[in-house]
Amino acid sequence: MSNNQPFIPIAEPLLNGNELEYVTDCVKSGWISSLGKYVRDFEQGFADYCNTVYGVATSNGTTAIHLLAATLNLGPGDEVIMPSLTYVATANAIAYTGATPVFVDSERETWNIDPNTVVEAITPRTKAIFAVHLYGHPADLDSLQAIAGEHGLFLLEDAAEAHGARYKGQRVGALSDAAVFSFYGNKIITTGEGGIIVTNNKDWAERAYFLENQGRYSDNPYWHPEIAFNYRMTNVQAAIGLAQLERIDDMLAIRRRNAAHYNQRLAEMPDLILPPEAEWAKNVYWMYSVIVKDNFGLERDELRVKLREAGIETRPFFYPVHTLPMYNTGQSLPAAEDLGRRGLNLPSGATLTLEQIDYICDTLISLTKNMKHRK
């Protein structure tokens, strides 16, 4: 990459609302740790946004998953079915409890967990199904809910990448027994680090509050009847999050606009499979993700090198978790493996401009033309 070329990052946070005002208020007030008004306001505000009653904010998305698993008393001997094509935290946080992640394949159409493979994976030890809304597209929740109901299982949502995504007109987060979200710096809205559990179950919310706060009650703060955690969100994090939440519709509109522009520019590139959007879904395009066909002329990783040389940052799809050393099950999950091999995430953040998208698309079109010309 030469000095006069642009650099387009994969994702940057857009911090142009009340973030500085609210953080400054935290600092001036002295309430910078987990006590302070912004934590409760953010928890309730995000829960309301998801059409749930309760929100329990956490230090990050991984701790939110672990806290939910602990709240549900998952442990050794229990199994949780999840897609292999997900970020490793989905599996790790379940494994922290001693429970076993059970990996299943993905649908080729939506890239999400395949309900047919879920049915085949259920055993007497299965306690929950963990649906992941990959890269911003919701999973087939009705099918999963039917399976969970028939077998007496919890249905949980990993919505870390899908704030505001809609399934049959309803926002994800309230369409299961409980859901978790992440607010890492590259997410649709951010608190820097941070996460949340949302649910309509009062007992679960109260239990999660107890466990994330070192296992103590507010009226007796130094009596700890159980081993628990310190997974609290800080007031500073929540202040940023509340400012972000005030503009979440704008953030989503930017991503939808950018995805539409990508789609229009790349529609004539038959060597790329563009992101899915099922008739029943509203994809929020946390990442603008494409599949590089084998006849593109460059393999996915070779294409990433060429794009990096042009100043364009990308990310590969996640490695299917069942192929990682600590989880290597020897399974054959062909859809997940194929998507993981060929999937590519292009720049997707809310700071991305249409002009930058044009440059990215022009670069892709030029690359594929050059490859075909060489042949």
Protein backbone atom coordinates (compact mmCIF):
# COMPACT_ATOMS: atom_id res chain seq x y z
CA MET A 1 0.00 0.00 0.00
CA SER A 2 1.50 3.32 -1.07
CA ASN A 3 1.34 6.48 1.01
CA ASN A 4 -1.16 8.13 -1.32
CA GLN A 5 -3.62 5.23 -1.21
CA PRO A 6 -6.60 5.34 1.13
CA PHE A 7 -6.96 3.05 4.12
CA ILE A 8 -10.49 1.83 4.69
CA PRO A 9 -10.86 -0.03 8.01
CA ILE A 10 -13.18 -2.99 8.45
CA ALA A 11 -15.29 -1.10 11.01
CA GLU A 12 -15.02 2.01 13.14
CA PRO A 13 -17.44 3.25 15.79
CA LEU A 14 -19.49 6.35 15.00
CA LEU A 15 -19.33 8.56 18.10
CA ASN A 16 -21.12 11.75 17.07
CA GLY A 17 -23.95 11.92 19.58
CA ASN A 18 -23.99 12.60 23.32
CA GLU A 19 -21.13 10.23 24.17
CA LEU A 20 -18.68 12.92 25.29
CA GLU A 21 -21.34 14.80 27.24
CA TYR A 22 -22.46 11.71 29.15
CA VAL A 23 -18.92 10.45 29.83
CA THR A 24 -17.91 13.91 31.04
CA ASP A 25 -20.90 13.87 33.36
CA CYS A 26 -19.68 10.53 34.77
CA VAL A 27 -16.20 11.90 35.39
CA LYS A 28 -17.45 15.10 36.99
CA SER A 29 -19.86 13.19 39.21
CA GLY A 30 -17.22 10.70 40.32
CA TRP A 31 -19.50 7.76 39.42
CA ILE A 32 -17.23 5.95 36.99
CA SER A 33 -17.50 2.36 38.24
CA SER A 34 -20.52 0.06 38.17
CA LEU A 35 -22.67 2.29 40.35
CA GLY A 36 -24.32 5.20 38.63
CA LYS A 37 -27.45 6.19 36.78
CA TYR A 38 -26.25 5.35 33.29
CA VAL A 39 -25.99 1.61 33.93
CA ARG A 40 -29.64 1.28 34.97
CA ASP A 41 -30.81 3.67 32.24
CA PHE A 42 -28.91 1.78 29.56
CA GLU A 43 -30.09 -1.62 30.77
CA GLN A 44 -33.72 -0.57 30.74
CA GLY A 45 -33.41 1.38 27.51
CA PHE A 46 -31.88 -1.52 25.61
CA ALA A 47 -34.37 -4.00 27.09
CA ASP A 48 -37.19 -1.72 25.95
CA TYR A 49 -35.65 -1.50 22.49
CA CYS A 50 -35.69 -5.31 22.28
CA ASN A 51 -39.28 -5.44 23.59
CA THR A 52 -38.15 -7.31 26.69
CA VAL A 53 -38.76 -6.47 30.33
CA TYR A 54 -35.31 -6.96 31.83
CA GLY A 55 -31.76 -6.14 30.85
CA VAL A 56 -28.63 -7.13 32.77
CA ALA A 57 -25.55 -5.31 31.49
CA THR A 58 -22.14 -6.97 31.65
CA SER A 59 -18.48 -6.18 31.09
CA ASN A 60 -18.47 -7.78 27.62
CA GLY A 61 -20.41 -10.14 25.38
CA THR A 62 -18.53 -13.25 26.47
CA THR A 63 -19.30 -12.63 30.13
CA ALA A 64 -22.94 -12.12 29.16
CA ILE A 65 -23.04 -15.62 27.65
CA HIS A 66 -21.26 -17.16 30.63
CA LEU A 67 -23.52 -15.32 33.06
CA LEU A 68 -26.61 -16.54 31.23
CA ALA A 69 -25.30 -20.11 31.23
CA ALA A 70 -24.58 -19.89 34.96
CA THR A 71 -28.00 -18.37 35.58
CA LEU A 72 -29.56 -21.39 33.87
CA ASN A 73 -27.40 -23.66 36.04
CA LEU A 74 -25.74 -25.33 33.07
CA GLY A 75 -22.86 -27.56 34.05
CA PRO A 76 -21.04 -30.86 33.56
CA GLY A 77 -23.16 -33.42 31.76
CA ASP A 78 -25.27 -30.79 29.99
CA GLU A 79 -25.14 -30.15 26.26
CA VAL A 80 -25.89 -26.96 24.35
CA ILE A 81 -26.47 -27.17 20.60
CA MET A 82 -25.05 -24.30 18.56
CA PRO A 83 -23.85 -23.60 15.02
CA SER A 84 -20.19 -24.32 14.41
CA LEU A 85 -19.99 -21.21 12.24
CA THR A 86 -19.88 -18.61 15.00
CA TYR A 87 -17.36 -16.60 16.96
CA VAL A 88 -15.49 -18.83 19.39
CA ALA A 89 -16.91 -16.98 22.42
CA THR A 90 -20.29 -18.67 21.89
CA ALA A 91 -18.69 -22.03 22.63
CA ASN A 92 -16.08 -20.88 25.14
CA ALA A 93 -18.55 -19.28 27.50
CA ILE A 94 -20.67 -22.44 27.57
CA ALA A 95 -17.57 -24.53 28.17
CA TYR A 96 -16.63 -22.33 31.16
CA THR A 97 -19.54 -23.90 33.04
CA GLY A 98 -18.40 -27.45 32.31
CA ALA A 99 -21.26 -27.96 29.87
CA THR A 100 -20.48 -29.29 26.38
CA PRO A 101 -20.99 -27.26 23.20
CA VAL A 102 -22.48 -29.48 20.48
CA PHE A 103 -21.81 -28.17 16.98
CA VAL A 104 -24.19 -28.43 14.04
CA ASP A 105 -24.14 -27.27 10.44
CA SER A 106 -25.42 -24.10 8.82
CA GLU A 107 -28.02 -23.37 6.17
CA ARG A 108 -26.42 -22.39 2.89
CA GLU A 109 -29.20 -19.87 2.23
CA THR A 110 -28.94 -17.79 5.44
CA TRP A 111 -25.56 -19.01 6.78
CA ASN A 112 -27.27 -19.60 10.12
CA ILE A 113 -27.90 -22.71 12.22
CA ASP A 114 -29.75 -25.41 10.26
CA PRO A 115 -32.82 -26.57 12.24
CA ASN A 116 -32.69 -29.99 10.54
CA THR A 117 -29.24 -30.64 11.97
CA VAL A 118 -30.40 -29.49 15.41
CA VAL A 119 -33.00 -32.25 15.59
CA GLU A 120 -30.35 -34.85 14.77
CA ALA A 121 -28.05 -33.58 17.55
CA ILE A 122 -30.53 -33.74 20.46
CA THR A 123 -29.71 -36.27 23.20
CA PRO A 124 -31.06 -36.82 26.72
CA ARG A 125 -28.30 -34.47 27.91
CA THR A 126 -29.35 -31.54 25.72
CA LYS A 127 -30.49 -28.54 27.73
CA ALA A 128 -30.56 -25.65 25.25
CA ILE A 129 -30.35 -24.54 21.63
CA PHE A 130 -28.18 -21.47 21.06
CA ALA A 131 -29.16 -19.66 17.86
CA VAL A 132 -26.57 -17.24 16.47
CA HIS A 133 -27.71 -14.43 14.17
CA LEU A 134 -24.59 -14.49 12.02
CA TYR A 135 -23.27 -11.18 10.66
CA GLY A 136 -26.64 -9.50 11.24
CA HIS A 137 -29.12 -11.94 9.64
CA PRO A 138 -31.60 -13.61 12.03
CA ALA A 139 -31.81 -17.37 12.35
CA ASP A 140 -35.03 -19.32 11.64
CA LEU A 141 -36.46 -18.85 15.12
CA ASP A 142 -39.92 -20.36 14.57
CA SER A 143 -38.43 -23.69 13.53
CA LEU A 144 -36.01 -23.63 16.45
CA GLN A 145 -38.75 -22.65 18.89
CA ALA A 146 -40.85 -25.59 17.73
CA ILE A 147 -37.95 -27.97 18.26
CA ALA A 148 -37.16 -26.51 21.67
CA GLY A 149 -40.79 -26.74 22.74
CA GLU A 150 -41.16 -30.33 21.60
CA HIS A 151 -38.06 -31.45 23.50
CA GLY A 152 -38.36 -29.22 26.58
CA LEU A 153 -35.23 -27.18 25.81
CA PHE A 154 -34.27 -23.56 26.37
CA LEU A 155 -33.99 -21.49 23.19
CA LEU A 156 -31.33 -18.80 23.53
CA GLU A 157 -30.17 -16.14 21.07
CA ASP A 158 -26.60 -15.00 20.52
CA ALA A 159 -27.49 -11.65 18.98
CA ALA A 160 -24.04 -10.12 19.43
CA GLU A 161 -23.97 -9.18 15.74
CA ALA A 162 -27.63 -8.39 15.17
CA HIS A 163 -28.85 -5.37 17.14
CA GLY A 164 -32.16 -4.33 15.59
CA ALA A 165 -32.40 -7.24 13.14
CA ARG A 166 -35.97 -8.39 12.58
CA TYR A 167 -37.49 -11.82 12.28
CA LYS A 168 -40.98 -11.70 10.75
CA GLY A 169 -41.26 -8.07 11.76
CA GLN A 170 -40.11 -8.47 15.36
CA ARG A 171 -36.70 -7.48 16.68
CA VAL A 172 -34.41 -10.27 17.75
CA GLY A 173 -33.82 -10.53 21.47
CA ALA A 174 -37.41 -11.10 22.57
CA LEU A 175 -38.05 -14.17 20.43
CA SER A 176 -36.53 -16.73 22.78
CA ASP A 177 -36.14 -17.44 26.48
CA ALA A 178 -33.19 -15.03 26.71
CA ALA A 179 -30.72 -13.31 24.41
CA VAL A 180 -27.25 -11.86 24.69
CA PHE A 181 -25.74 -8.91 22.83
CA SER A 182 -22.20 -7.54 22.57
CA PHE A 183 -21.20 -3.89 22.52
CA TYR A 184 -17.58 -4.29 21.42
CA GLY A 185 -16.11 -1.37 19.48
CA ASN A 186 -17.01 -2.73 16.04
CA LYS A 187 -20.61 -3.64 16.87
CA ILE A 188 -23.66 -1.74 15.61
CA ILE A 189 -23.72 0.22 18.85
CA THR A 190 -20.82 0.12 21.26
CA THR A 191 -19.79 0.70 24.85
CA GLY A 192 -16.13 0.02 24.01
CA GLU A 193 -16.41 -3.37 25.65
CA GLY A 194 -19.69 -4.55 27.10
CA GLY A 195 -22.61 -6.91 26.79
CA ILE A 196 -26.14 -7.51 28.02
CA ILE A 197 -28.65 -10.26 28.72
CA VAL A 198 -32.25 -9.45 27.86
CA THR A 199 -35.18 -11.59 28.98
CA ASN A 200 -38.79 -11.50 30.15
CA ASN A 201 -38.02 -13.89 33.00
CA LYS A 202 -37.86 -11.98 36.28
CA ASP A 203 -36.27 -14.83 38.22
CA TRP A 204 -33.50 -15.16 35.66
CA ALA A 205 -32.82 -11.42 35.66
CA GLU A 206 -32.59 -11.31 39.44
CA ARG A 207 -30.35 -14.37 39.49
CA ALA A 208 -28.08 -12.85 36.83
CA TYR A 209 -27.79 -9.60 38.84
CA PHE A 210 -26.85 -11.62 41.91
CA LEU A 211 -24.23 -13.72 40.12
CA GLU A 212 -22.56 -10.85 38.25
CA ASN A 213 -22.16 -8.90 41.49
CA GLN A 214 -19.97 -11.40 43.40
CA GLY A 215 -23.03 -13.24 44.66
CA ARG A 216 -24.28 -10.66 47.09
CA TYR A 217 -27.49 -8.92 48.00
CA SER A 218 -27.82 -5.15 48.11
CA ASP A 219 -28.97 -5.14 51.74
CA ASN A 220 -26.00 -7.23 52.92
CA PRO A 221 -23.09 -6.39 50.60
CA TYR A 222 -20.36 -8.47 52.27
CA TRP A 223 -22.29 -11.71 52.70
CA HIS A 224 -21.54 -14.04 49.78
CA PRO A 225 -23.43 -17.34 49.97
CA GLU A 226 -22.13 -18.63 46.60
CA ILE A 227 -19.09 -18.47 44.34
CA ALA A 228 -19.99 -15.87 41.73
CA PHE A 229 -18.42 -13.31 39.38
CA ASN A 230 -17.59 -9.66 38.86
CA TYR A 231 -19.11 -9.13 35.41
CA ARG A 232 -20.56 -5.66 35.90
CA MET A 233 -20.65 -2.92 33.28
CA THR A 234 -19.16 0.40 34.35
CA ASN A 235 -21.07 3.67 34.41
CA VAL A 236 -18.65 5.08 31.81
CA GLN A 237 -19.36 2.19 29.44
CA ALA A 238 -23.09 2.61 29.96
CA ALA A 239 -22.87 6.36 29.36
CA ILE A 240 -21.36 5.69 25.94
CA GLY A 241 -23.96 3.00 25.33
CA LEU A 242 -26.88 5.23 26.21
CA ALA A 243 -25.69 7.88 23.78
CA GLN A 244 -25.28 5.20 21.12
CA LEU A 245 -28.73 3.78 21.84
CA GLU A 246 -30.27 7.20 21.24
CA ARG A 247 -28.99 6.95 17.64
CA ILE A 248 -29.38 3.24 16.97
CA ASP A 249 -31.98 3.78 14.23
CA ASP A 250 -29.55 6.11 12.44
CA MET A 251 -26.75 3.54 12.80
CA LEU A 252 -28.96 0.83 11.33
CA ALA A 253 -30.09 3.07 8.48
CA ILE A 254 -26.46 3.75 7.53
CA ARG A 255 -25.67 0.03 7.41
CA ARG A 256 -28.77 -0.74 5.36
CA ARG A 257 -27.96 2.12 2.97
CA ASN A 258 -24.38 0.96 2.58
CA ALA A 259 -25.43 -2.64 2.02
CA ALA A 260 -27.88 -1.53 -0.67
CA HIS A 261 -25.09 0.39 -2.40
CA TYR A 262 -22.76 -2.60 -2.21
CA ASN A 263 -25.53 -4.82 -3.58
CA GLN A 264 -26.17 -2.48 -6.49
CA ARG A 265 -22.48 -2.14 -7.38
CA LEU A 266 -21.67 -5.85 -7.04
CA ALA A 267 -24.81 -7.22 -8.63
CA GLU A 268 -23.00 -7.82 -11.90
CA MET A 269 -20.22 -9.84 -10.28
CA PRO A 270 -21.36 -13.45 -10.66
CA ASP A 271 -18.20 -14.70 -8.95
CA LEU A 272 -19.37 -13.32 -5.60
CA ILE A 273 -22.36 -14.47 -3.57
CA LEU A 274 -23.83 -11.41 -1.86
CA PRO A 275 -25.25 -11.36 1.67
CA PRO A 276 -28.57 -13.13 2.24
CA GLU A 277 -31.83 -11.53 3.26
CA ALA A 278 -34.69 -13.98 3.58
CA GLU A 279 -38.23 -12.80 2.86
CA TRP A 280 -39.03 -13.04 6.56
CA ALA A 281 -35.88 -11.24 7.69
CA LYS A 282 -34.41 -7.78 8.01
CA ASN A 283 -30.65 -8.08 7.87
CA VAL A 284 -28.78 -5.30 9.69
CA TYR A 285 -25.48 -6.10 7.93
CA TRP A 286 -23.20 -5.88 10.95
CA MET A 287 -20.70 -7.07 8.39
CA TYR A 288 -21.15 -6.79 4.67
CA SER A 289 -20.22 -10.38 3.94
CA VAL A 290 -19.69 -12.13 0.62
CA ILE A 291 -18.76 -15.62 -0.52
CA VAL A 292 -15.89 -15.82 -3.02
CA LYS A 293 -16.77 -18.41 -5.62
CA ASP A 294 -14.08 -20.82 -6.73
CA ASN A 295 -14.14 -19.37 -10.26
CA PHE A 296 -13.32 -15.84 -9.05
CA GLY A 297 -9.72 -16.41 -10.11
CA LEU A 298 -8.28 -15.73 -6.65
CA GLU A 299 -8.83 -17.72 -3.51
CA ARG A 300 -10.36 -15.82 -0.61
CA ASP A 301 -7.06 -15.27 1.20
CA GLU A 302 -5.30 -14.22 -2.01
CA LEU A 303 -8.08 -11.72 -2.59
CA ARG A 304 -7.61 -10.35 0.91
CA VAL A 305 -3.93 -9.70 0.14
CA LYS A 306 -4.81 -7.81 -3.05
CA LEU A 307 -7.40 -5.72 -1.22
CA ARG A 308 -4.99 -4.94 1.59
CA GLU A 309 -2.46 -3.75 -1.00
CA ALA A 310 -5.19 -1.39 -2.21
CA GLY A 311 -5.73 -0.06 1.33
CA ILE A 312 -8.89 -2.06 2.03
CA GLU A 313 -9.07 -3.95 5.31
CA THR A 314 -11.09 -7.18 5.34
CA ARG A 315 -11.78 -10.11 7.64
CA PRO A 316 -12.28 -13.77 6.81
CA PHE A 317 -15.34 -15.59 8.08
CA PHE A 318 -14.92 -17.32 11.42
CA TYR A 319 -13.23 -20.68 11.44
CA PRO A 320 -15.97 -23.22 12.21
CA VAL A 321 -15.46 -23.86 15.91
CA HIS A 322 -15.47 -27.65 15.50
CA THR A 323 -12.19 -27.30 13.57
CA LEU A 324 -10.34 -25.40 16.32
CA PRO A 325 -7.79 -27.40 18.36
CA MET A 326 -9.65 -27.40 21.69
CA TYR A 327 -12.97 -28.37 20.10
CA ASN A 328 -11.80 -30.51 17.20
CA THR A 329 -14.56 -33.12 17.05
CA GLY A 330 -13.67 -34.74 13.75
CA GLN A 331 -17.13 -33.85 12.46
CA SER A 332 -17.90 -33.15 8.84
CA LEU A 333 -20.09 -30.04 8.64
CA PRO A 334 -19.83 -29.23 4.94
CA ALA A 335 -21.82 -26.00 4.77
CA ALA A 336 -20.05 -24.41 7.73
CA GLU A 337 -16.65 -25.52 6.44
CA ASP A 338 -17.32 -24.23 2.93
CA LEU A 339 -18.64 -20.88 4.16
CA GLY A 340 -15.72 -20.53 6.54
CA ARG A 341 -13.27 -21.22 3.70
CA ARG A 342 -14.74 -18.79 1.17
CA GLY A 343 -16.42 -16.11 3.28
CA LEU A 344 -15.10 -12.55 3.27
CA ASN A 345 -16.18 -9.51 5.31
CA LEU A 346 -15.74 -6.18 3.56
CA PRO A 347 -15.58 -2.78 5.34
CA SER A 348 -18.91 -2.31 7.09
CA GLY A 349 -18.76 0.32 9.83
CA ALA A 350 -21.15 3.23 10.24
CA THR A 351 -18.39 5.71 9.28
CA LEU A 352 -18.10 4.11 5.83
CA THR A 353 -19.06 6.45 2.97
CA LEU A 354 -20.63 5.69 -0.39
CA GLU A 355 -17.47 6.97 -2.06
CA GLN A 356 -15.39 4.46 -0.12
CA ILE A 357 -17.79 1.68 -1.12
CA ASP A 358 -17.38 2.73 -4.76
CA TYR A 359 -13.61 2.47 -4.39
CA ILE A 360 -13.91 -1.00 -2.82
CA CYS A 361 -16.27 -2.20 -5.55
CA ASP A 362 -14.16 -0.69 -8.33
CA THR A 363 -11.17 -2.52 -6.89
CA LEU A 364 -13.03 -5.84 -6.77
CA ILE A 365 -14.33 -5.43 -10.31
CA SER A 366 -10.85 -4.53 -11.58
CA LEU A 367 -9.33 -7.55 -9.84
CA THR A 368 -11.76 -10.03 -11.33
CA LYS A 369 -11.39 -8.48 -14.81
CA ASN A 370 -7.61 -8.76 -14.57
CA MET A 371 -7.85 -12.42 -13.56
CA LYS A 372 -10.16 -13.24 -16.44
CA HIS A 373 -7.91 -11.34 -18.85
CA ARG A 374 -4.90 -13.43 -17.74
CA LYS A 375 -6.82 -16.61 -18.50
